[in-house]
Amino acid sequence: MKKKRIRHIPFHFMVSEKELEKIKERMAEAGIINRSEFVRRMAIKGYTINIDTSFVRELTFLLRKSVNNLKQIAAHTNAHGMYVDEIAALQKGYDELWGMVSDIIKYTAEIMML
């Protein structure tokens, strides 16, 4: 079963080659590759916001890697009964850190939707 389109009204207009190049330049500056999305944003909001989110991706990657390491240490510790309290404290700290990172991701997404 096909998904119903949210946007079902076609909206077409003509541009010159020079205007098309200018639109492509502005799309590149905004980091948008979908022409329909770009034109829709510009027509409705009058602006686009381009945010470099590479730091969030890197932070998430590093945090996931650290959590995986913690899980391995916790498994070893649970098997041998060593340093259980320290591992529990580390896990609590990671949970708090994930909460903060989730907030950063949420706020970044909200800004991008402006």
Protein backbone atom coordinates (compact mmCIF):
# COMPACT_ATOMS: atom_id res chain seq x y z
CA MET A 1 0.00 0.00 0.00
CA LYS A 2 1.39 3.37 -1.01
CA LYS A 3 1.85 6.14 1.50
CA LYS A 4 -0.37 9.13 0.92
CA ARG A 5 1.49 12.28 -0.01
CA ILE A 6 1.42 15.08 2.52
CA ARG A 7 2.01 17.65 -0.19
CA HIS A 8 -0.27 16.91 -3.12
CA ILE A 9 -0.59 20.31 -4.81
CA PRO A 10 1.99 20.91 -7.56
CA PHE A 11 3.62 24.34 -7.64
CA HIS A 12 5.75 25.12 -10.69
CA PHE A 13 7.50 28.24 -11.93
CA MET A 14 10.06 29.07 -14.57
CA VAL A 15 13.55 30.53 -14.01
CA SER A 16 16.39 31.60 -16.26
CA GLU A 17 19.74 29.81 -16.31
CA LYS A 18 21.28 32.65 -14.31
CA GLU A 19 18.52 32.46 -11.69
CA LEU A 20 18.88 28.67 -11.48
CA GLU A 21 22.62 29.03 -10.82
CA LYS A 22 21.90 31.56 -8.07
CA ILE A 23 19.35 29.17 -6.52
CA LYS A 24 21.90 26.32 -6.65
CA GLU A 25 24.51 28.56 -4.97
CA ARG A 26 22.08 29.47 -2.19
CA MET A 27 21.15 25.80 -1.77
CA ALA A 28 24.82 24.88 -1.42
CA GLU A 29 25.33 27.65 1.15
CA ALA A 30 22.35 26.37 3.13
CA GLY A 31 23.46 22.76 2.84
CA ILE A 32 20.18 21.68 1.24
CA ILE A 33 20.29 19.30 -1.71
CA ASN A 34 16.55 18.95 -2.32
CA ARG A 35 15.36 21.82 -4.50
CA SER A 36 11.70 21.47 -3.45
CA GLU A 37 12.63 21.64 0.22
CA PHE A 38 14.78 24.72 -0.37
CA VAL A 39 12.13 26.59 -2.36
CA ARG A 40 9.43 25.63 0.17
CA ARG A 41 11.53 26.91 3.11
CA MET A 42 12.39 30.14 1.34
CA ALA A 43 8.81 30.77 0.24
CA ILE A 44 7.32 30.07 3.67
CA LYS A 45 10.01 31.33 6.06
CA GLY A 46 12.13 33.58 3.87
CA TYR A 47 15.39 32.14 5.21
CA THR A 48 17.27 28.93 5.88
CA ILE A 49 19.57 28.05 8.75
CA ASN A 50 22.62 25.90 8.15
CA ILE A 51 24.12 24.38 11.31
CA ASP A 52 27.26 22.27 11.37
CA THR A 53 26.20 19.23 13.37
CA SER A 54 29.40 17.26 12.90
CA PHE A 55 30.34 17.90 16.54
CA VAL A 56 27.11 16.27 17.70
CA ARG A 57 27.74 13.22 15.52
CA GLU A 58 31.30 12.94 16.81
CA LEU A 59 30.17 13.36 20.42
CA THR A 60 27.51 10.68 19.99
CA PHE A 61 30.01 8.32 18.34
CA LEU A 62 32.54 8.75 21.16
CA LEU A 63 29.90 8.37 23.83
CA ARG A 64 28.59 5.15 22.27
CA LYS A 65 32.11 3.81 22.10
CA SER A 66 32.67 4.64 25.78
CA VAL A 67 29.39 3.02 26.79
CA ASN A 68 30.32 -0.14 24.91
CA ASN A 69 33.62 -0.22 26.79
CA LEU A 70 31.79 0.30 30.07
CA LYS A 71 29.44 -2.59 29.26
CA GLN A 72 32.42 -4.88 28.66
CA ILE A 73 34.00 -3.82 31.95
CA ALA A 74 30.69 -4.27 33.77
CA ALA A 75 30.25 -7.77 32.34
CA HIS A 76 33.76 -8.72 33.46
CA THR A 77 33.22 -7.15 36.87
CA ASN A 78 29.87 -8.90 37.37
CA ALA A 79 31.44 -12.23 36.47
CA HIS A 80 34.23 -11.80 39.01
CA GLY A 81 32.44 -9.66 41.64
CA MET A 82 35.07 -6.88 41.63
CA TYR A 83 34.47 -3.10 41.86
CA VAL A 84 30.68 -3.41 41.57
CA ASP A 85 30.03 -0.08 43.31
CA GLU A 86 32.45 1.79 41.04
CA ILE A 87 30.83 0.35 37.91
CA ALA A 88 27.38 1.33 39.19
CA ALA A 89 28.61 4.89 39.74
CA LEU A 90 30.09 4.99 36.22
CA GLN A 91 26.84 3.71 34.75
CA LYS A 92 24.89 6.42 36.58
CA GLY A 93 27.32 9.04 35.26
CA TYR A 94 26.91 7.76 31.70
CA ASP A 95 23.12 7.87 32.05
CA GLU A 96 23.34 11.53 33.10
CA LEU A 97 25.73 12.27 30.23
CA TRP A 98 23.39 10.61 27.71
CA GLY A 99 20.58 12.79 29.04
CA MET A 100 22.63 15.92 28.40
CA VAL A 101 23.65 14.76 24.92
CA SER A 102 20.00 13.97 24.14
CA ASP A 103 19.08 17.52 25.16
CA ILE A 104 21.79 18.94 22.87
CA ILE A 105 20.51 16.85 19.97
CA LYS A 106 16.91 17.88 20.67
CA TYR A 107 17.76 21.60 20.86
CA THR A 108 19.90 21.40 17.70
CA ALA A 109 17.00 19.74 15.86
CA GLU A 110 14.62 22.46 17.08
CA ILE A 111 16.96 25.18 15.82
CA MET A 112 17.27 23.46 12.46
CA MET A 113 13.48 23.38 12.11
CA LEU A 114 13.21 27.18 12.51
